Structure formats: C-alpha cells, structure tokens
C-alpha cells in the first residue's frame, strides 16, 4: 500500500482545458470546462524549486518522499485541477503517476487495510480517519481504493492503485474540500474507467 498523497504545490497556469485530453499514460478522458489539465512537463516546470523540506511532511519516509518528488520534477506526474470549487487555501485536484508493479495481488493488498490508519496518522495527525479501504472492480479489472479524511484541513483524499500491466501500477490521488468532493469523486471515477478501458484494449 503506497502513501503518495502528499501535496505538491503547483501554480495553476494557462494550460489544456477540458474537452478530450490524451493522457501521458495512454488513456483519453473527457473533462468539463470546470477542470484544468497540467501536463507532466508543466508540472515539472512549476515544481522545480520544491524540496522535501518545503513540503513539510515529516511523517513520510524521506526516501519515498524524495523518490516521488523526483518523478514530479522529471515530468512523470500529471494533474487535473478543479477550477469551480477550489479556494485560495486549497486547489482540488487529481494527480496521476506510474509506480513500479507490486508483487502482491489486490486481494493481498486489501488485507493490509487495517494498518492504513496508523500510516495515515503518522503523516497527517491523530484526527485523520480512514473511511473506506478495499478492493474495487471496474469493467472486470480489480484495483485497490481507499479514502480518508483530514479534519484539520477539511480535506478528503481518495486513492486508486490500478495494476497497469508491464508498465507498473497507475496511482490516481484525488484531494478535495467538502464543496467539491462530489465532483472530484465523479471525475476520478471517470479517469479510472477510461484508464481501465485503455488497459483492456491494449491486451486485446
């Protein structure tokens, strides 16, 4: 189970808007005009000066934090930003990145759910609450999904870990304030569905 949902501070600049977008990871998505896409190269540009220290998450293992940050800086992470419900203090967003494949099956990973709370609280504090964790299936493809709330920030994090064949594991992480949570969940489910569709097509 991967804890990669820390926040990378990026500037929302003029970028690809809504309609159909061809992801860096091969799938195509349809997003409304409420969403703004930052391509991996744009994310890398805006995150050039970000450091593990500036992120400020002491509970995350520094090696894991540094590795994910290097993915961001090397143009391997893309973001979808919600422009309708974001605020000055928080940009609702979904990030997509590829991680190495896991040795365990989804069912085996789901068995680790009881230990997720302690991992999350080590990063975000003792009030953090895991509300969902387990195996989900979309179009016959099983993946790990979990959701947790960070009351101190009034933010909900949703993470999907989708086995993506030889490419590894596609990690989708959404973060939203209460106002935009319904819209973010709908968008993230759409991205998951389209990613699975592309994965199944590639196997045919």
Protein backbone atom coordinates (compact mmCIF):
# COMPACT_ATOMS: atom_id res chain seq x y z
CA UNK A 1 0.00 0.00 0.00
CA UNK A 2 1.53 3.28 -1.08
CA UNK A 3 1.21 6.57 0.72
CA UNK A 4 1.84 9.07 -2.08
CA UNK A 5 -0.91 11.58 -1.46
CA UNK A 6 1.19 14.42 -0.14
CA UNK A 7 0.59 17.79 -1.71
CA UNK A 8 2.92 19.14 -4.37
CA UNK A 9 2.35 22.88 -4.59
CA UNK A 10 1.94 23.84 -8.22
CA UNK A 11 0.77 27.07 -9.78
CA UNK A 12 -2.41 26.87 -11.83
CA UNK A 13 -1.32 28.45 -15.08
CA UNK A 14 -2.91 28.61 -18.51
CA UNK A 15 -2.93 25.06 -19.76
CA UNK A 16 -5.05 22.47 -21.52
CA UNK A 17 -8.70 22.93 -20.66
CA UNK A 18 -11.47 20.39 -20.58
CA UNK A 19 -12.97 18.55 -23.52
CA UNK A 20 -10.99 15.47 -24.58
CA UNK A 21 -7.47 15.07 -23.25
CA UNK A 22 -4.93 12.39 -24.19
CA UNK A 23 -3.09 11.45 -21.03
CA UNK A 24 0.65 10.95 -20.83
CA UNK A 25 -0.26 7.44 -19.62
CA UNK A 26 -2.17 6.44 -22.74
CA UNK A 27 -5.84 6.88 -21.86
CA UNK A 28 -8.24 9.56 -23.14
CA UNK A 29 -10.57 11.42 -20.78
CA UNK A 30 -13.48 13.81 -21.20
CA UNK A 31 -13.48 16.59 -18.59
CA UNK A 32 -15.87 19.52 -18.27
CA UNK A 33 -14.71 23.13 -18.52
CA UNK A 34 -14.51 23.17 -14.72
CA UNK A 35 -11.26 21.22 -14.98
CA UNK A 36 -7.78 22.32 -15.99
CA UNK A 37 -5.07 19.89 -17.04
CA UNK A 38 -1.41 20.38 -16.19
CA UNK A 39 0.75 18.12 -18.34
CA UNK A 40 3.76 16.33 -16.80
CA UNK A 41 6.17 18.84 -18.36
CA UNK A 42 4.21 21.78 -16.95
CA UNK A 43 4.09 20.18 -13.51
CA UNK A 44 7.85 19.63 -13.64
CA UNK A 45 8.40 23.28 -14.54
CA UNK A 46 6.26 24.66 -11.71
CA UNK A 47 7.74 22.24 -9.15
CA UNK A 48 11.39 22.90 -9.98
CA UNK A 49 12.11 24.60 -6.64
CA UNK A 50 10.09 22.20 -4.46
CA UNK A 51 12.09 20.24 -1.88
CA UNK A 52 11.16 17.54 0.67
CA UNK A 53 11.64 20.19 3.37
CA UNK A 54 9.31 22.70 1.71
CA UNK A 55 6.53 20.08 1.52
CA UNK A 56 6.75 19.75 5.29
CA UNK A 57 5.52 16.19 5.83
CA UNK A 58 7.90 14.80 8.43
CA UNK A 59 5.86 11.62 8.83
CA UNK A 60 6.51 10.43 5.27
CA UNK A 61 9.67 8.32 4.86
CA UNK A 62 12.16 10.73 3.30
CA UNK A 63 13.34 8.21 0.71
CA UNK A 64 9.76 7.73 -0.52
CA UNK A 65 9.13 11.47 -0.50
CA UNK A 66 12.30 12.18 -2.47
CA UNK A 67 11.55 9.43 -5.00
CA UNK A 68 8.05 10.77 -5.70
CA UNK A 69 9.32 14.33 -5.90
CA UNK A 70 11.89 13.22 -8.46
CA UNK A 71 9.05 11.75 -10.53
CA UNK A 72 7.31 15.13 -10.43
CA UNK A 73 10.43 17.05 -11.44
CA UNK A 74 11.29 14.64 -14.24
CA UNK A 75 7.88 15.02 -15.90
CA UNK A 76 6.19 11.78 -14.82
CA UNK A 77 3.15 13.17 -12.97
CA UNK A 78 0.14 14.99 -14.41
CA UNK A 79 -2.57 16.93 -12.59
CA UNK A 80 -6.24 17.70 -13.19
CA UNK A 81 -7.40 20.78 -11.27
CA UNK A 82 -10.96 21.62 -10.31
CA UNK A 83 -11.44 25.31 -11.04
CA UNK A 84 -15.04 25.50 -9.83
CA UNK A 85 -14.73 24.52 -6.16
CA UNK A 86 -11.08 25.25 -5.39
CA UNK A 87 -10.37 28.04 -2.92
CA UNK A 88 -7.47 30.34 -2.13
CA UNK A 89 -6.33 27.87 0.50
CA UNK A 90 -6.78 24.59 -1.37
CA UNK A 91 -6.80 23.52 -5.03
CA UNK A 92 -8.98 20.44 -5.50
CA UNK A 93 -7.04 18.13 -7.78
CA UNK A 94 -6.39 14.64 -9.10
CA UNK A 95 -2.84 13.51 -9.82
CA UNK A 96 -1.78 10.57 -11.98
CA UNK A 97 1.56 8.80 -11.88
CA UNK A 98 3.04 5.38 -12.59
CA UNK A 99 4.81 3.38 -9.90
CA UNK A 100 6.60 0.01 -10.13
CA UNK A 101 4.34 -3.04 -10.10
CA UNK A 102 3.62 -4.66 -6.75
CA UNK A 103 4.34 -8.29 -6.05
CA UNK A 104 1.13 -8.79 -4.07
CA UNK A 105 -2.29 -9.33 -5.59
CA UNK A 106 -5.06 -6.77 -4.99
CA UNK A 107 -6.71 -9.15 -2.54
CA UNK A 108 -3.44 -9.42 -0.60
CA UNK A 109 -3.03 -5.64 -0.57
CA UNK A 110 -6.60 -5.18 0.65
CA UNK A 111 -5.76 -7.34 3.67
CA UNK A 112 -3.37 -4.56 4.75
CA UNK A 113 -6.24 -2.06 5.10
CA UNK A 114 -6.47 -2.39 8.91
CA UNK A 115 -2.94 -0.98 9.19
CA UNK A 116 -3.63 2.02 6.95
CA UNK A 117 -4.94 4.24 9.73
CA UNK A 118 -1.63 4.24 11.62
CA UNK A 119 0.28 5.03 8.40
CA UNK A 120 -2.00 7.94 7.56
CA UNK A 121 -1.97 9.36 11.09
CA UNK A 122 1.84 9.29 11.15
CA UNK A 123 1.73 11.81 8.30
CA UNK A 124 -1.42 13.87 8.88
CA UNK A 125 -2.03 13.62 12.63
CA UNK A 126 -4.15 11.58 15.06
CA UNK A 127 -7.51 13.01 13.98
CA UNK A 128 -7.20 11.59 10.45
CA UNK A 129 -9.85 8.97 9.73
CA UNK A 130 -9.86 6.21 7.10
CA UNK A 131 -13.43 5.90 5.83
CA UNK A 132 -13.02 3.33 3.04
CA UNK A 133 -10.36 0.81 2.07
CA UNK A 134 -10.56 -2.34 -0.03
CA UNK A 135 -10.77 -3.94 -3.43
CA UNK A 136 -12.91 -2.36 -6.15
CA UNK A 137 -13.65 -3.58 -9.66
CA UNK A 138 -14.25 -1.60 -12.84
CA UNK A 139 -15.05 -3.44 -16.08
CA UNK A 140 -13.65 -6.62 -14.63
CA UNK A 141 -10.34 -5.06 -13.50
CA UNK A 142 -9.66 -5.15 -9.76
CA UNK A 143 -7.77 -2.34 -8.04
CA UNK A 144 -7.13 -1.03 -4.54
CA UNK A 145 -9.14 2.01 -3.42
CA UNK A 146 -9.09 3.90 -0.16
CA UNK A 147 -10.39 7.17 1.20
CA UNK A 148 -9.56 9.18 4.29
CA UNK A 149 -10.45 12.50 5.87
CA UNK A 150 -8.05 15.09 7.29
CA UNK A 151 -10.32 17.10 9.63
CA UNK A 152 -7.69 19.70 10.46
CA UNK A 153 -7.57 20.70 6.79
CA UNK A 154 -11.19 19.82 5.93
CA UNK A 155 -9.84 17.72 3.06
CA UNK A 156 -10.75 14.23 1.82
CA UNK A 157 -8.15 12.14 -0.03
CA UNK A 158 -9.14 9.35 -2.44
CA UNK A 159 -6.51 6.99 -3.84
CA UNK A 160 -6.82 4.33 -6.56
CA UNK A 161 -3.97 1.89 -7.26
CA UNK A 162 -4.61 0.19 -10.63
CA UNK A 163 -2.39 -2.67 -11.89
CA UNK A 164 -1.29 -1.49 -15.32
CA UNK A 165 0.34 -4.48 -16.92
CA UNK A 166 4.03 -4.28 -17.70
CA UNK A 167 4.05 -0.50 -17.11
CA UNK A 168 3.52 -0.92 -13.37
CA UNK A 169 0.77 0.49 -11.14
CA UNK A 170 -1.20 3.60 -12.09
CA UNK A 171 -1.73 5.73 -8.98
CA UNK A 172 -4.61 8.23 -9.01
CA UNK A 173 -4.81 10.52 -5.98
CA UNK A 174 -7.66 12.99 -5.54
CA UNK A 175 -7.89 15.64 -2.85
CA UNK A 176 -10.92 17.84 -2.26
CA UNK A 177 -12.61 20.21 0.14
CA UNK A 178 -16.24 19.37 1.13
CA UNK A 179 -17.76 21.63 -1.52
CA UNK A 180 -16.08 19.90 -4.44
CA UNK A 181 -15.95 16.32 -3.17
CA UNK A 182 -18.90 15.01 -5.21
CA UNK A 183 -17.48 16.49 -8.41
CA UNK A 184 -14.00 15.16 -7.69
CA UNK A 185 -15.25 11.64 -7.00
CA UNK A 186 -17.16 11.64 -10.27
CA UNK A 187 -14.12 12.87 -12.20
CA UNK A 188 -11.77 10.39 -10.56
CA UNK A 189 -14.13 7.50 -11.27
CA UNK A 190 -14.21 8.64 -14.91
CA UNK A 191 -10.41 8.70 -15.12
CA UNK A 192 -10.27 5.23 -13.56
CA UNK A 193 -12.86 3.89 -16.01
CA UNK A 194 -11.02 5.30 -19.04
CA UNK A 195 -7.66 4.05 -17.80
CA UNK A 196 -9.09 0.55 -17.36
CA UNK A 197 -10.69 0.74 -20.81
CA UNK A 198 -7.32 1.59 -22.38
CA UNK A 199 -5.60 -1.17 -20.41
CA UNK A 200 -8.08 -3.79 -21.61
CA UNK A 201 -7.82 -2.57 -25.22
CA UNK A 202 -4.04 -2.90 -25.09
CA UNK A 203 -4.36 -6.55 -24.04
CA UNK A 204 -6.58 -7.46 -26.99
